[in-house]
Every structure is written in structure tokens, then in C-alpha cells.
Amino acid sequence: MPRTRRAGPPDPGEPGGPGDGTASRTATCTGTADWGSGCNGRVTSTAGSEPISSWTTTVTLPAQQSVSALWNGTPTWSGNVMTVRASGNGALAAGASTGFGFTATGNGGDAAPSVNTCTAS
């Protein structure tokens, strides 16, 4: 999982985009270790120019991978799509960051887990 994937706020012209009063944030997934049959990843979420009271991040894993451990977040699953919410208080001050980590196992080849969406309120 050597690649970094990023999800951010939608285009300003889309509903929920910057400028409509909705809090924004970005999320970045970075590989921290890769041993061929698995990897560790860290997703870092950063609030935009306004504080947020909660956050969720959606990560898609290659079909052959599964998560064997996750820390600093609470996951729910739909197939190979993992939605992670803050464990406890998900509030972030403007510009502040938080993150969660996970261990993915299985043969995903060169495909890395990817951050699809990040939402804040």
C-alpha cells in the first residue's frame, strides 16, 4: 500500500460543497507498512476552516482484502466498503486533524485501499 489516496470536499457547485454552510474536511489514506499479504494504513482527517462536530470516512478495500484490526474508529461494513466513525467525540476545531488506522490482510495485489468519501457536520 505505498500510494496515498485523498478525498476532499465536493466541487463548490455541488450540493454540500463549500460555501453553502456545510462544514468541510479532507481525508488522506497513507500506507504505513506493506508485507505482500497485507498492509497497515492510516487515514488522517483534517477539518476545514470551520470546526466540525462529527465525521465519517468511507474506505473501499480490494475484493481480496479484509480488515483484521482497526484502531481509533468504529467501523460498519457493506461488502468491501468500510465506513468509519469517530470513537467517542468526533469534534475537531478548525484546521485540526485526527485519524484512525487499520490492518488489511489478503492478496490485493498492487491495489491499495482507497478513501471514497468523507463527511462532516
Protein backbone atom coordinates (compact mmCIF):
# COMPACT_ATOMS: atom_id res chain seq x y z
CA MET A 1 0.00 0.00 0.00
CA PRO A 2 2.65 2.54 -0.96
CA ARG A 3 0.22 5.00 -2.53
CA THR A 4 -1.63 7.87 -0.86
CA ARG A 5 -5.30 8.42 -1.65
CA ARG A 6 -7.23 11.60 -0.84
CA ALA A 7 -10.90 12.50 -0.60
CA GLY A 8 -11.98 16.06 -0.06
CA PRO A 9 -14.97 18.32 -0.14
CA PRO A 10 -17.13 18.23 -3.26
CA ASP A 11 -16.84 20.77 -6.06
CA PRO A 12 -18.22 24.16 -4.90
CA GLY A 13 -21.05 23.82 -7.45
CA GLU A 14 -22.30 20.55 -5.93
CA PRO A 15 -24.83 20.37 -3.08
CA GLY A 16 -22.93 20.06 0.19
CA GLY A 17 -19.93 21.88 -1.23
CA PRO A 18 -18.02 24.74 0.33
CA GLY A 19 -19.91 27.99 0.59
CA ASP A 20 -23.31 26.52 1.45
CA GLY A 21 -22.81 26.49 5.24
CA THR A 22 -21.80 22.81 5.36
CA ALA A 23 -18.60 22.01 7.28
CA SER A 24 -15.81 20.64 5.10
CA ARG A 25 -12.85 18.37 5.72
CA THR A 26 -10.35 16.25 3.84
CA ALA A 27 -9.19 12.68 4.44
CA THR A 28 -5.94 11.07 3.30
CA CYS A 29 -5.10 7.34 3.41
CA THR A 30 -1.40 6.54 3.64
CA GLY A 31 0.25 3.14 3.71
CA THR A 32 2.48 2.76 6.76
CA ALA A 33 3.66 -0.83 6.15
CA ASP A 34 3.30 -3.41 3.37
CA TRP A 35 4.39 -7.04 3.66
CA GLY A 36 2.89 -8.53 0.50
CA SER A 37 -0.05 -10.37 2.06
CA GLY A 38 -1.26 -7.34 3.99
CA CYS A 39 -0.67 -3.73 4.92
CA ASN A 40 -1.22 -1.12 7.58
CA GLY A 41 -2.95 2.09 6.64
CA ARG A 42 -3.59 5.38 8.39
CA VAL A 43 -6.44 7.71 7.47
CA THR A 44 -5.95 11.29 8.60
CA SER A 45 -8.93 13.64 8.64
CA THR A 46 -8.47 17.41 8.80
CA ALA A 47 -11.25 19.94 9.45
CA GLY A 48 -11.56 22.83 7.02
CA SER A 49 -11.83 26.49 8.02
CA GLU A 50 -14.80 25.76 10.34
CA PRO A 51 -14.95 23.40 13.34
CA ILE A 52 -16.88 20.14 12.92
CA SER A 53 -18.88 18.19 15.50
CA SER A 54 -18.62 14.73 13.91
CA TRP A 55 -17.07 12.90 10.94
CA THR A 56 -17.27 9.68 8.92
CA THR A 57 -14.92 8.30 6.28
CA THR A 58 -15.68 5.58 3.71
CA VAL A 59 -12.82 3.31 2.59
CA THR A 60 -13.05 0.68 -0.16
CA LEU A 61 -10.74 -2.32 0.02
CA PRO A 62 -9.81 -4.52 -2.93
CA ALA A 63 -12.17 -7.52 -3.05
CA GLN A 64 -9.48 -9.96 -1.84
CA GLN A 65 -8.63 -7.94 1.30
CA SER A 66 -10.28 -7.72 4.71
CA VAL A 67 -9.57 -5.64 7.80
CA SER A 68 -8.20 -7.69 10.69
CA ALA A 69 -7.69 -4.74 13.08
CA LEU A 70 -8.83 -1.12 13.34
CA TRP A 71 -7.97 1.48 15.97
CA ASN A 72 -9.28 4.96 16.87
CA GLY A 73 -12.55 4.48 14.97
CA THR A 74 -15.76 2.44 14.85
CA PRO A 75 -16.36 0.56 11.56
CA THR A 76 -19.50 -0.68 9.83
CA TRP A 77 -19.40 -2.79 6.67
CA SER A 78 -21.24 -3.20 3.39
CA GLY A 79 -19.35 -5.77 1.32
CA ASN A 80 -15.79 -4.49 0.89
CA VAL A 81 -16.76 -0.90 1.82
CA MET A 82 -15.91 0.16 5.37
CA THR A 83 -17.48 3.27 6.91
CA VAL A 84 -15.61 4.54 9.97
CA ARG A 85 -16.99 6.93 12.56
CA ALA A 86 -15.12 8.58 15.40
CA SER A 87 -14.79 6.50 18.56
CA GLY A 88 -16.26 8.82 21.16
CA ASN A 89 -16.16 12.55 20.49
CA GLY A 90 -15.66 13.30 16.78
CA ALA A 91 -15.41 17.08 17.19
CA LEU A 92 -12.47 18.87 15.54
CA ALA A 93 -11.51 22.54 15.79
CA ALA A 94 -10.97 24.43 12.53
CA GLY A 95 -7.78 23.10 10.90
CA ALA A 96 -7.35 20.30 13.48
CA SER A 97 -6.60 16.68 12.49
CA THR A 98 -7.39 13.23 13.80
CA GLY A 99 -7.02 9.78 12.37
CA PHE A 100 -7.60 6.05 12.54
CA GLY A 101 -5.51 3.11 11.49
CA PHE A 102 -6.19 -0.38 10.20
CA THR A 103 -4.52 -3.61 9.18
CA ALA A 104 -5.75 -5.12 5.90
CA THR A 105 -4.90 -8.73 5.10
CA GLY A 106 -5.29 -10.84 1.98
CA ASN A 107 -3.99 -10.64 -1.55
CA GLY A 108 -4.94 -7.29 -3.01
CA GLY A 109 -2.05 -7.27 -5.47
CA ASP A 110 -0.88 -3.73 -6.14
CA ALA A 111 -4.30 -2.30 -5.34
CA ALA A 112 -4.39 -0.10 -2.25
CA PRO A 113 -7.44 0.64 -0.11
CA SER A 114 -8.93 3.96 -1.21
CA VAL A 115 -10.75 6.70 0.66
CA ASN A 116 -14.02 7.33 -1.19
CA THR A 117 -15.89 9.90 0.85
CA CYS A 118 -15.51 11.95 3.96
CA THR A 119 -18.37 13.81 5.59
CA ALA A 120 -18.50 16.28 8.43
CA SER A 121 -21.16 18.15 10.33
